[in-house]
Amino acid sequence: NGMKALLILDIQNDFTGPAARMPVDPQQAAQMIAHLNSIINRTGNETEVIYIGNEFPAWDPGNLFRRFAAIRGSAGAKQDERLVRKGDCYFSKKSSSAFSNPSLDA
């Protein structure tokens, strides 16, 4: 149908925010978010902006290695508020692949 999609992955408080549990470099995070915002702002109506975030179950043993980052329902799992929101298309995932959520493919 000619529709394009821009996938924005894992720009979440526990990775890019000031109180991140698994932080990336704050300066690099700010620059990355600024670049993403510029790209998002330039997308037209023919491009769907899709936000994807990690939401790990609280009981997942892997949380020990992730420093309990991005636990489903936590403030850390929320999208970084500096990120421009265009629409409300959001999909959660609990593995590295965004397509682990079958709803995304649909």
N, C-alpha and C. Protein backbone atom coordinates (compact mmCIF):
# COMPACT_ATOMS: atom_id res chain seq x y z
N ASN A 1 0.79 -1.19 0.00
CA ASN A 1 0.00 0.00 0.00
C ASN A 1 0.84 1.27 0.00
N GLY A 2 2.17 1.12 0.01
CA GLY A 2 3.06 2.27 -0.05
C GLY A 2 3.31 2.94 1.29
N MET A 3 2.74 2.42 2.38
CA MET A 3 2.94 3.01 3.70
C MET A 3 4.34 2.66 4.20
N LYS A 4 4.98 3.62 4.84
CA LYS A 4 6.30 3.41 5.44
C LYS A 4 6.15 3.43 6.95
N ALA A 5 7.14 2.83 7.62
CA ALA A 5 7.13 2.84 9.08
C ALA A 5 8.51 3.21 9.59
N LEU A 6 8.53 3.99 10.64
CA LEU A 6 9.75 4.33 11.37
C LEU A 6 9.63 3.66 12.72
N LEU A 7 10.54 2.74 13.04
CA LEU A 7 10.51 2.02 14.31
C LEU A 7 11.48 2.69 15.28
N ILE A 8 10.97 3.10 16.42
CA ILE A 8 11.78 3.71 17.47
C ILE A 8 11.85 2.71 18.62
N LEU A 9 13.04 2.17 18.87
CA LEU A 9 13.19 1.09 19.84
C LEU A 9 13.91 1.52 21.11
N ASP A 10 13.35 1.14 22.25
CA ASP A 10 14.01 1.13 23.55
C ASP A 10 14.49 2.50 24.04
N ILE A 11 13.80 3.57 23.68
CA ILE A 11 14.14 4.88 24.22
C ILE A 11 13.30 5.05 25.49
N GLN A 12 13.78 4.41 26.54
CA GLN A 12 13.04 4.27 27.78
C GLN A 12 13.85 4.83 28.95
N ASN A 13 13.13 5.24 29.98
CA ASN A 13 13.76 5.86 31.15
C ASN A 13 14.89 5.03 31.74
N ASP A 14 14.76 3.72 31.78
CA ASP A 14 15.79 2.89 32.39
C ASP A 14 17.05 2.75 31.52
N PHE A 15 17.04 3.31 30.34
CA PHE A 15 18.22 3.28 29.47
C PHE A 15 18.74 4.69 29.16
N THR A 16 17.84 5.62 28.92
CA THR A 16 18.25 6.96 28.49
C THR A 16 17.94 8.05 29.51
N GLY A 17 17.18 7.75 30.53
CA GLY A 17 16.77 8.75 31.51
C GLY A 17 17.81 9.05 32.57
N PRO A 18 17.61 10.11 33.35
CA PRO A 18 18.58 10.51 34.36
C PRO A 18 18.73 9.51 35.51
N ALA A 19 17.73 8.71 35.79
CA ALA A 19 17.80 7.71 36.86
C ALA A 19 17.83 6.30 36.28
N ALA A 20 18.44 6.14 35.11
CA ALA A 20 18.44 4.86 34.40
C ALA A 20 19.12 3.76 35.21
N ARG A 21 18.55 2.56 35.14
CA ARG A 21 19.14 1.38 35.78
C ARG A 21 20.23 0.76 34.91
N MET A 22 20.12 0.91 33.61
CA MET A 22 21.13 0.44 32.65
C MET A 22 21.45 1.60 31.70
N PRO A 23 22.12 2.62 32.20
CA PRO A 23 22.25 3.86 31.44
C PRO A 23 23.24 3.80 30.28
N VAL A 24 22.87 4.50 29.24
CA VAL A 24 23.83 4.83 28.19
C VAL A 24 24.42 6.18 28.59
N ASP A 25 25.49 6.59 27.95
CA ASP A 25 26.12 7.86 28.25
C ASP A 25 25.08 8.98 28.12
N PRO A 26 24.88 9.80 29.16
CA PRO A 26 23.85 10.84 29.12
C PRO A 26 23.98 11.80 27.94
N GLN A 27 25.21 12.19 27.61
CA GLN A 27 25.40 13.10 26.48
C GLN A 27 25.02 12.43 25.17
N GLN A 28 25.42 11.17 25.01
CA GLN A 28 25.06 10.44 23.80
C GLN A 28 23.55 10.21 23.73
N ALA A 29 22.93 9.94 24.87
CA ALA A 29 21.47 9.75 24.89
C ALA A 29 20.76 11.02 24.45
N ALA A 30 21.20 12.16 24.97
CA ALA A 30 20.58 13.44 24.61
C ALA A 30 20.74 13.72 23.11
N GLN A 31 21.93 13.46 22.57
CA GLN A 31 22.17 13.67 21.14
C GLN A 31 21.31 12.72 20.30
N MET A 32 21.24 11.46 20.72
CA MET A 32 20.46 10.48 19.98
C MET A 32 18.99 10.88 19.97
N ILE A 33 18.45 11.28 21.12
CA ILE A 33 17.05 11.68 21.19
C ILE A 33 16.80 12.92 20.33
N ALA A 34 17.72 13.86 20.33
CA ALA A 34 17.58 15.06 19.49
C ALA A 34 17.53 14.67 18.01
N HIS A 35 18.39 13.74 17.60
CA HIS A 35 18.39 13.29 16.20
C HIS A 35 17.10 12.54 15.87
N LEU A 36 16.66 11.67 16.79
CA LEU A 36 15.40 10.95 16.56
C LEU A 36 14.23 11.92 16.45
N ASN A 37 14.20 12.93 17.31
CA ASN A 37 13.12 13.92 17.26
C ASN A 37 13.11 14.65 15.93
N SER A 38 14.28 14.96 15.43
CA SER A 38 14.38 15.63 14.13
C SER A 38 13.81 14.75 13.03
N ILE A 39 14.15 13.47 13.07
CA ILE A 39 13.64 12.53 12.06
C ILE A 39 12.13 12.37 12.20
N ILE A 40 11.65 12.20 13.43
CA ILE A 40 10.21 12.05 13.67
C ILE A 40 9.46 13.27 13.16
N ASN A 41 9.98 14.45 13.46
CA ASN A 41 9.31 15.69 13.04
C ASN A 41 9.27 15.86 11.53
N ARG A 42 10.19 15.21 10.81
CA ARG A 42 10.21 15.32 9.35
C ARG A 42 9.36 14.27 8.66
N THR A 43 8.83 13.31 9.40
CA THR A 43 8.02 12.28 8.76
C THR A 43 6.68 12.88 8.35
N GLY A 44 6.23 12.46 7.20
CA GLY A 44 4.93 12.91 6.71
C GLY A 44 3.84 11.92 7.06
N ASN A 45 2.67 12.16 6.53
CA ASN A 45 1.52 11.30 6.80
C ASN A 45 1.67 9.90 6.23
N GLU A 46 2.60 9.74 5.27
CA GLU A 46 2.78 8.42 4.66
C GLU A 46 3.68 7.52 5.51
N THR A 47 4.19 8.05 6.62
CA THR A 47 5.07 7.27 7.50
C THR A 47 4.44 7.11 8.87
N GLU A 48 4.24 5.88 9.27
CA GLU A 48 3.72 5.56 10.61
C GLU A 48 4.92 5.49 11.57
N VAL A 49 4.88 6.24 12.65
CA VAL A 49 5.92 6.17 13.67
C VAL A 49 5.47 5.15 14.71
N ILE A 50 6.30 4.13 14.90
CA ILE A 50 5.96 3.03 15.80
C ILE A 50 7.00 2.99 16.92
N TYR A 51 6.52 3.07 18.13
CA TYR A 51 7.38 3.04 19.31
C TYR A 51 7.35 1.63 19.89
N ILE A 52 8.53 1.13 20.22
CA ILE A 52 8.67 -0.24 20.75
C ILE A 52 9.52 -0.17 22.00
N GLY A 53 9.08 -0.84 23.05
CA GLY A 53 9.84 -0.80 24.30
C GLY A 53 9.89 -2.14 24.99
N ASN A 54 10.97 -2.33 25.72
CA ASN A 54 11.11 -3.52 26.55
C ASN A 54 10.15 -3.42 27.73
N GLU A 55 9.49 -4.52 28.03
CA GLU A 55 8.65 -4.64 29.22
C GLU A 55 8.83 -6.05 29.74
N PHE A 56 9.77 -6.19 30.66
CA PHE A 56 10.09 -7.51 31.18
C PHE A 56 9.19 -7.86 32.36
N PRO A 57 8.75 -9.12 32.45
CA PRO A 57 7.94 -9.55 33.60
C PRO A 57 8.77 -9.43 34.88
N ALA A 58 8.13 -9.08 35.98
CA ALA A 58 8.83 -8.90 37.25
C ALA A 58 9.52 -10.18 37.72
N TRP A 59 8.98 -11.33 37.37
CA TRP A 59 9.51 -12.61 37.84
C TRP A 59 10.62 -13.17 36.95
N ASP A 60 10.99 -12.51 35.87
CA ASP A 60 11.99 -13.00 34.91
C ASP A 60 13.38 -13.05 35.57
N PRO A 61 14.02 -14.23 35.62
CA PRO A 61 15.35 -14.33 36.23
C PRO A 61 16.39 -13.44 35.55
N GLY A 62 16.19 -13.12 34.28
CA GLY A 62 17.12 -12.25 33.56
C GLY A 62 17.19 -10.85 34.12
N ASN A 63 16.21 -10.49 34.95
CA ASN A 63 16.22 -9.16 35.56
C ASN A 63 17.47 -8.94 36.41
N LEU A 64 18.01 -10.01 36.98
CA LEU A 64 19.23 -9.88 37.77
C LEU A 64 20.37 -9.31 36.92
N PHE A 65 20.45 -9.74 35.68
CA PHE A 65 21.51 -9.28 34.78
C PHE A 65 21.20 -7.92 34.17
N ARG A 66 19.94 -7.56 34.14
CA ARG A 66 19.51 -6.28 33.57
C ARG A 66 19.34 -5.21 34.65
N ARG A 67 19.76 -5.51 35.88
CA ARG A 67 19.64 -4.58 36.99
C ARG A 67 18.19 -4.14 37.20
N PHE A 68 17.26 -5.06 36.91
CA PHE A 68 15.82 -4.83 37.07
C PHE A 68 15.33 -3.63 36.25
N ALA A 69 15.91 -3.46 35.09
CA ALA A 69 15.52 -2.37 34.18
C ALA A 69 14.29 -2.77 33.37
N ALA A 70 13.47 -1.77 33.07
CA ALA A 70 12.31 -1.91 32.17
C ALA A 70 11.34 -3.01 32.60
N ILE A 71 11.05 -3.06 33.87
CA ILE A 71 10.06 -4.01 34.39
C ILE A 71 8.67 -3.51 33.98
N ARG A 72 7.85 -4.40 33.43
CA ARG A 72 6.50 -4.04 32.99
C ARG A 72 5.77 -3.25 34.08
N GLY A 73 5.24 -2.09 33.70
CA GLY A 73 4.48 -1.26 34.62
C GLY A 73 5.31 -0.29 35.44
N SER A 74 6.63 -0.36 35.34
CA SER A 74 7.48 0.53 36.13
C SER A 74 7.71 1.86 35.41
N ALA A 75 8.14 2.86 36.16
CA ALA A 75 8.48 4.16 35.56
C ALA A 75 9.65 4.02 34.59
N GLY A 76 10.55 3.10 34.86
CA GLY A 76 11.70 2.89 33.99
C GLY A 76 11.35 2.31 32.64
N ALA A 77 10.22 1.62 32.55
CA ALA A 77 9.79 1.04 31.27
C ALA A 77 9.11 2.08 30.38
N LYS A 78 8.74 3.22 30.93
CA LYS A 78 8.06 4.26 30.14
C LYS A 78 9.03 4.89 29.15
N GLN A 79 8.48 5.38 28.05
CA GLN A 79 9.27 6.08 27.05
C GLN A 79 9.88 7.34 27.67
N ASP A 80 11.11 7.66 27.27
CA ASP A 80 11.77 8.87 27.74
C ASP A 80 10.91 10.06 27.32
N GLU A 81 10.59 10.93 28.25
CA GLU A 81 9.68 12.04 27.96
C GLU A 81 10.27 13.07 27.00
N ARG A 82 11.56 13.03 26.75
CA ARG A 82 12.17 13.95 25.78
C ARG A 82 11.88 13.53 24.34
N LEU A 83 11.45 12.31 24.16
CA LEU A 83 11.17 11.78 22.83
C LEU A 83 9.86 12.33 22.30
N VAL A 84 9.87 12.86 21.08
CA VAL A 84 8.66 13.36 20.45
C VAL A 84 7.71 12.20 20.20
N ARG A 85 6.45 12.41 20.52
CA ARG A 85 5.43 11.39 20.25
C ARG A 85 4.60 11.83 19.06
N LYS A 86 4.53 10.99 18.08
CA LYS A 86 3.70 11.22 16.90
C LYS A 86 2.77 10.02 16.79
N GLY A 87 1.56 10.20 17.22
CA GLY A 87 0.62 9.09 17.26
C GLY A 87 0.81 8.28 18.52
N ASP A 88 0.05 7.20 18.62
CA ASP A 88 0.10 6.38 19.83
C ASP A 88 0.34 4.91 19.51
N CYS A 89 1.05 4.66 18.44
CA CYS A 89 1.33 3.29 18.04
C CYS A 89 2.51 2.76 18.86
N TYR A 90 2.23 1.86 19.81
CA TYR A 90 3.25 1.33 20.71
C TYR A 90 3.10 -0.18 20.82
N PHE A 91 4.25 -0.84 20.82
CA PHE A 91 4.29 -2.29 21.02
C PHE A 91 5.34 -2.61 22.07
N SER A 92 5.01 -3.51 22.96
CA SER A 92 5.98 -3.96 23.97
C SER A 92 6.67 -5.22 23.47
N LYS A 93 7.82 -5.47 24.05
CA LYS A 93 8.55 -6.71 23.75
C LYS A 93 9.26 -7.15 25.02
N LYS A 94 9.60 -8.43 25.07
CA LYS A 94 10.35 -8.93 26.23
C LYS A 94 11.57 -9.74 25.80
N SER A 95 12.01 -9.49 24.56
CA SER A 95 13.27 -10.06 24.07
C SER A 95 13.90 -9.02 23.15
N SER A 96 15.08 -9.30 22.65
CA SER A 96 15.79 -8.30 21.85
C SER A 96 15.09 -7.98 20.53
N SER A 97 14.37 -8.91 19.97
CA SER A 97 13.70 -8.69 18.69
C SER A 97 12.36 -7.99 18.86
N ALA A 98 12.19 -6.89 18.15
CA ALA A 98 10.90 -6.19 18.17
C ALA A 98 9.79 -7.08 17.63
N PHE A 99 10.14 -8.00 16.74
CA PHE A 99 9.13 -8.88 16.14
C PHE A 99 8.79 -10.08 17.02
N SER A 100 9.33 -10.09 18.26
CA SER A 100 8.92 -11.14 19.20
C SER A 100 7.47 -10.90 19.63
N ASN A 101 6.98 -9.68 19.43
CA ASN A 101 5.56 -9.39 19.67
C ASN A 101 4.84 -9.60 18.35
N PRO A 102 4.04 -10.67 18.21
CA PRO A 102 3.39 -10.97 16.94
C PRO A 102 2.43 -9.86 16.45
N SER A 103 1.98 -9.02 17.34
CA SER A 103 1.10 -7.92 16.94
C SER A 103 1.82 -6.91 16.04
N LEU A 104 3.11 -6.77 16.22
CA LEU A 104 3.87 -5.83 15.40
C LEU A 104 3.85 -6.27 13.94
N ASP A 105 4.06 -7.54 13.70
CA ASP A 105 4.08 -8.06 12.34
C ASP A 105 2.73 -7.86 11.66
N ALA A 106 1.66 -8.05 12.42
CA ALA A 106 0.32 -7.88 11.87
C ALA A 106 0.10 -6.43 11.49
